[in-house]
Structure formats: C-alpha cells, structure tokens
C-alpha atoms as a PDB file:
ATOM      1  CA  MET A   1       0.000   0.000   0.000  1.00  0.00           C
ATOM      2  CA  SER A   2       2.917   2.407   0.463  1.00  0.00           C
ATOM      3  CA  SER A   3       3.114   3.161  -3.261  1.00  0.00           C
ATOM      4  CA  THR A   4      -0.515   4.254  -3.260  1.00  0.00           C
ATOM      5  CA  SER A   5       0.275   7.150  -0.937  1.00  0.00           C
ATOM      6  CA  THR A   6       1.595   8.886  -4.022  1.00  0.00           C
ATOM      7  CA  THR A   7      -1.994   9.328  -5.254  1.00  0.00           C
ATOM      8  CA  PHE A   8      -2.049  12.808  -3.766  1.00  0.00           C
ATOM      9  CA  ASP A   9       1.319  13.729  -5.260  1.00  0.00           C
ATOM     10  CA  ARG A  10       0.131  12.688  -8.709  1.00  0.00           C
ATOM     11  CA  CYS A  11      -2.805  15.113  -8.638  1.00  0.00           C
ATOM     12  CA  GLY A  12      -0.351  17.975  -8.364  1.00  0.00           C
ATOM     13  CA  CYS A  13       1.684  16.989 -11.397  1.00  0.00           C
ATOM     14  CA  LEU A  14      -1.201  15.663 -13.528  1.00  0.00           C
ATOM     15  CA  ASP A  15       0.507  12.339 -14.143  1.00  0.00           C
ATOM     16  CA  VAL A  16      -2.138  10.800 -16.421  1.00  0.00           C
ATOM     17  CA  PRO A  17      -0.111   7.626 -17.204  1.00  0.00           C
ATOM     18  CA  TRP A  18       0.217   6.923 -13.458  1.00  0.00           C
ATOM     19  CA  PHE A  19      -3.548   7.288 -12.971  1.00  0.00           C
ATOM     20  CA  ASP A  20      -4.224   5.138 -16.044  1.00  0.00           C
ATOM     21  CA  GLU A  21      -2.153   2.361 -14.460  1.00  0.00           C
ATOM     22  CA  HIS A  22      -3.618   2.644 -10.934  1.00  0.00           C
ATOM     23  CA  LEU A  23      -7.345   3.303 -11.453  1.00  0.00           C
ATOM     24  CA  ALA A  24      -9.728   0.346 -11.513  1.00  0.00           C
ATOM     25  CA  GLY A  25     -11.893  -0.099 -14.601  1.00  0.00           C
ATOM     26  CA  ASP A  26     -14.986   0.723 -12.522  1.00  0.00           C
ATOM     27  CA  PHE A  27     -13.393   3.768 -10.808  1.00  0.00           C
ATOM     28  CA  LEU A  28     -15.684   6.674  -9.893  1.00  0.00           C
ATOM     29  CA  ASN A  29     -14.753  10.141  -8.629  1.00  0.00           C
ATOM     30  CA  SER A  30     -17.043  12.512  -6.748  1.00  0.00           C
ATOM     31  CA  GLY A  31     -15.799  15.974  -7.661  1.00  0.00           C
ATOM     32  CA  ALA A  32     -15.685  19.110  -5.544  1.00  0.00           C
ATOM     33  CA  ASP A  33     -18.408  20.545  -7.801  1.00  0.00           C
ATOM     34  CA  GLY A  34     -20.777  17.657  -7.021  1.00  0.00           C
ATOM     35  CA  SER A  35     -20.086  15.815 -10.271  1.00  0.00           C
ATOM     36  CA  LEU A  36     -19.689  12.059 -10.502  1.00  0.00           C
ATOM     37  CA  VAL A  37     -17.288  10.972 -13.233  1.00  0.00           C
ATOM     38  CA  ASP A  38     -16.115   7.579 -14.382  1.00  0.00           C
ATOM     39  CA  ARG A  39     -12.554   6.505 -15.093  1.00  0.00           C
ATOM     40  CA  ALA A  40     -12.444   7.951 -18.622  1.00  0.00           C
ATOM     41  CA  GLY A  41     -13.887  11.269 -17.456  1.00  0.00           C
ATOM     42  CA  PHE A  42     -11.417  11.473 -14.570  1.00  0.00           C
ATOM     43  CA  LEU A  43      -8.448  10.778 -16.857  1.00  0.00           C
ATOM     44  CA  ALA A  44      -9.704  13.544 -19.171  1.00  0.00           C
ATOM     45  CA  GLN A  45      -9.917  15.928 -16.192  1.00  0.00           C
ATOM     46  CA  MET A  46      -6.366  15.060 -15.118  1.00  0.00           C
ATOM     47  CA  ALA A  47      -5.119  15.859 -18.632  1.00  0.00           C
ATOM     48  CA  ARG A  48      -6.403  19.455 -18.391  1.00  0.00           C
ATOM     49  CA  PRO A  49      -4.480  22.253 -16.654  1.00  0.00           C
ATOM     50  CA  CYS A  50      -4.935  22.189 -12.888  1.00  0.00           C
ATOM     51  CA  PRO A  51      -7.416  24.825 -11.579  1.00  0.00           C
ATOM     52  CA  VAL A  52      -5.366  25.339  -8.399  1.00  0.00           C
ATOM     53  CA  ALA A  53      -1.700  26.187  -7.792  1.00  0.00           C
ATOM     54  CA  ASN A  54       0.923  25.024  -5.300  1.00  0.00           C
ATOM     55  CA  LEU A  55      -0.979  21.840  -4.429  1.00  0.00           C
ATOM     56  CA  ALA A  56       0.524  20.197  -1.341  1.00  0.00           C
ATOM     57  CA  VAL A  57      -0.499  17.225   0.784  1.00  0.00           C
ATOM     58  CA  GLU A  58      -0.715  16.978   4.574  1.00  0.00           C
ATOM     59  CA  ASP A  59      -1.696  14.365   7.132  1.00  0.00           C
ATOM     60  CA  VAL A  60      -1.792  11.342   4.837  1.00  0.00           C
ATOM     61  CA  ARG A  61      -3.114   8.301   6.682  1.00  0.00           C
ATOM     62  CA  ILE A  62      -3.347   4.849   5.137  1.00  0.00           C
ATOM     63  CA  ARG A  63      -5.904   2.502   6.708  1.00  0.00           C
ATOM     64  CA  PRO A  64      -5.485  -1.083   5.461  1.00  0.00           C
ATOM     65  CA  LEU A  65      -8.674  -3.121   5.797  1.00  0.00           C
ATOM     66  CA  GLY A  66      -7.758  -6.570   4.487  1.00  0.00           C
ATOM     67  CA  GLU A  67      -8.187  -6.566   0.717  1.00  0.00           C
ATOM     68  CA  HIS A  68      -9.263  -2.915   0.835  1.00  0.00           C
ATOM     69  CA  ALA A  69      -7.753   0.322   2.111  1.00  0.00           C
ATOM     70  CA  ILE A  70      -8.751   3.925   2.628  1.00  0.00           C
ATOM     71  CA  ILE A  71      -6.230   6.714   2.208  1.00  0.00           C
ATOM     72  CA  HIS A  72      -7.121   9.993   3.888  1.00  0.00           C
ATOM     73  CA  GLY A  73      -5.284  13.226   3.279  1.00  0.00           C
ATOM     74  CA  ARG A  74      -5.685  16.971   3.331  1.00  0.00           C
ATOM     75  CA  THR A  75      -4.586  19.247   0.564  1.00  0.00           C
ATOM     76  CA  THR A  76      -3.584  22.898   0.587  1.00  0.00           C
ATOM     77  CA  TYR A  77      -3.395  25.059  -2.515  1.00  0.00           C
ATOM     78  CA  LEU A  78      -3.733  28.563  -3.912  1.00  0.00           C
ATOM     79  CA  LYS A  79      -7.103  29.273  -5.489  1.00  0.00           C
ATOM     80  CA  GLY A  80      -7.775  31.940  -8.087  1.00  0.00           C
ATOM     81  CA  GLY A  81      -4.298  33.393  -7.673  1.00  0.00           C
ATOM     82  CA  ARG A  82      -5.171  34.683  -4.208  1.00  0.00           C
ATOM     83  CA  PRO A  83      -2.402  34.588  -1.643  1.00  0.00           C
ATOM     84  CA  ALA A  84      -4.615  32.917   0.986  1.00  0.00           C
ATOM     85  CA  ARG A  85      -4.205  29.148   1.202  1.00  0.00           C
ATOM     86  CA  ALA A  86      -7.293  27.035   0.713  1.00  0.00           C
ATOM     87  CA  ARG A  87      -7.847  23.514   2.032  1.00  0.00           C
ATOM     88  CA  GLY A  88      -9.479  20.380   0.785  1.00  0.00           C
ATOM     89  CA  ALA A  89      -9.695  16.670   1.507  1.00  0.00           C
ATOM     90  CA  THR A  90      -9.426  13.701  -0.787  1.00  0.00           C
ATOM     91  CA  PRO A  91     -10.157  10.266   0.634  1.00  0.00           C
ATOM     92  CA  THR A  92      -9.396   7.511  -1.853  1.00  0.00           C
ATOM     93  CA  PHE A  93     -10.604   3.929  -1.645  1.00  0.00           C
ATOM     94  CA  TRP A  94      -8.424   1.061  -2.839  1.00  0.00           C
ATOM     95  CA  SER A  95      -9.007  -2.627  -3.468  1.00  0.00           C
ATOM     96  CA  ARG A  96      -6.510  -5.417  -4.089  1.00  0.00           C
ATOM     97  CA  ARG A  97      -7.574  -7.121  -7.308  1.00  0.00           C
ATOM     98  CA  ARG A  98      -5.601  -9.987  -8.810  1.00  0.00           C
ATOM     99  CA  GLY A  99      -2.683  -9.080  -6.544  1.00  0.00           C
ATOM    100  CA  ARG A 100      -2.603  -5.373  -7.485  1.00  0.00           C
ATOM    101  CA  TRP A 101      -3.810  -2.375  -5.501  1.00  0.00           C
ATOM    102  CA  LEU A 102      -6.213  -0.307  -7.618  1.00  0.00           C
ATOM    103  CA  CYS A 103      -8.042   2.877  -6.726  1.00  0.00           C
ATOM    104  CA  VAL A 104     -11.785   2.252  -7.028  1.00  0.00           C
ATOM    105  CA  SER A 105     -13.148   5.576  -5.756  1.00  0.00           C
ATOM    106  CA  ALA A 106     -12.165   9.093  -4.751  1.00  0.00           C
ATOM    107  CA  HIS A 107     -13.981  12.095  -3.343  1.00  0.00           C
ATOM    108  CA  VAL A 108     -12.553  15.583  -3.750  1.00  0.00           C
ATOM    109  CA  THR A 109     -13.509  18.538  -1.571  1.00  0.00           C
ATOM    110  CA  ARG A 110     -12.161  22.043  -1.836  1.00  0.00           C
ATOM    111  CA  GLY A 111     -12.740  25.012   0.423  1.00  0.00           C
END
C-alpha cells in the first residue's frame, strides 16, 4: 500500500499515465463541484491544466482493511491566484484485485 500514498502527489503533477495504471476499470470520482465521473472522465480531467496552484499534501493516513484500504489526506493550494491558502480533503478507496492495488473511488472537496 505504500506506493498508493503517491496518489495525492500525482494530482499535483497531472501524471495521467500513473492514474491510467492505478485506477480500476470501474473507478468513480465525486468531484468538488458535485459531479460524478467515471474513469475515462477522470483521466480527461487530469489531462487538463490544474485549476489550483501550489498543491501540497498533509496528514496522509493509510488505513489497510484486508483486501481494501482507505487513504485519507488533506490538501492545501492557492485558489484563483489569491495569496490565501485554501484547504481540501481527498479520501481515496483502494481494493486489491488480482494481486494489485487499484483505486476504485475518490472524493474531492475544496474550500
């Protein structure tokens, strides 16, 4: 599970090939705007320029639950070019399938 902690780091650098390799075929993401997108839609979003700047991750906690795991973490970033830092949270849900850890779900919040 330690390699999956990089999920948060990948959002900052828009590493689409990494997501393509680590997202389950039935992956779903609940976006900060209330949207629900599938794997293809999420990969398309990751390919676009990031709407926030200076994305950083704090307080990452990995909770293994047998063949499943939840990764919690907080993000900080600059929004709209303002100097004030904003916060968000992004829990991701992982499942071990055929010996590989794959992300099956994520939920993004932004303040």
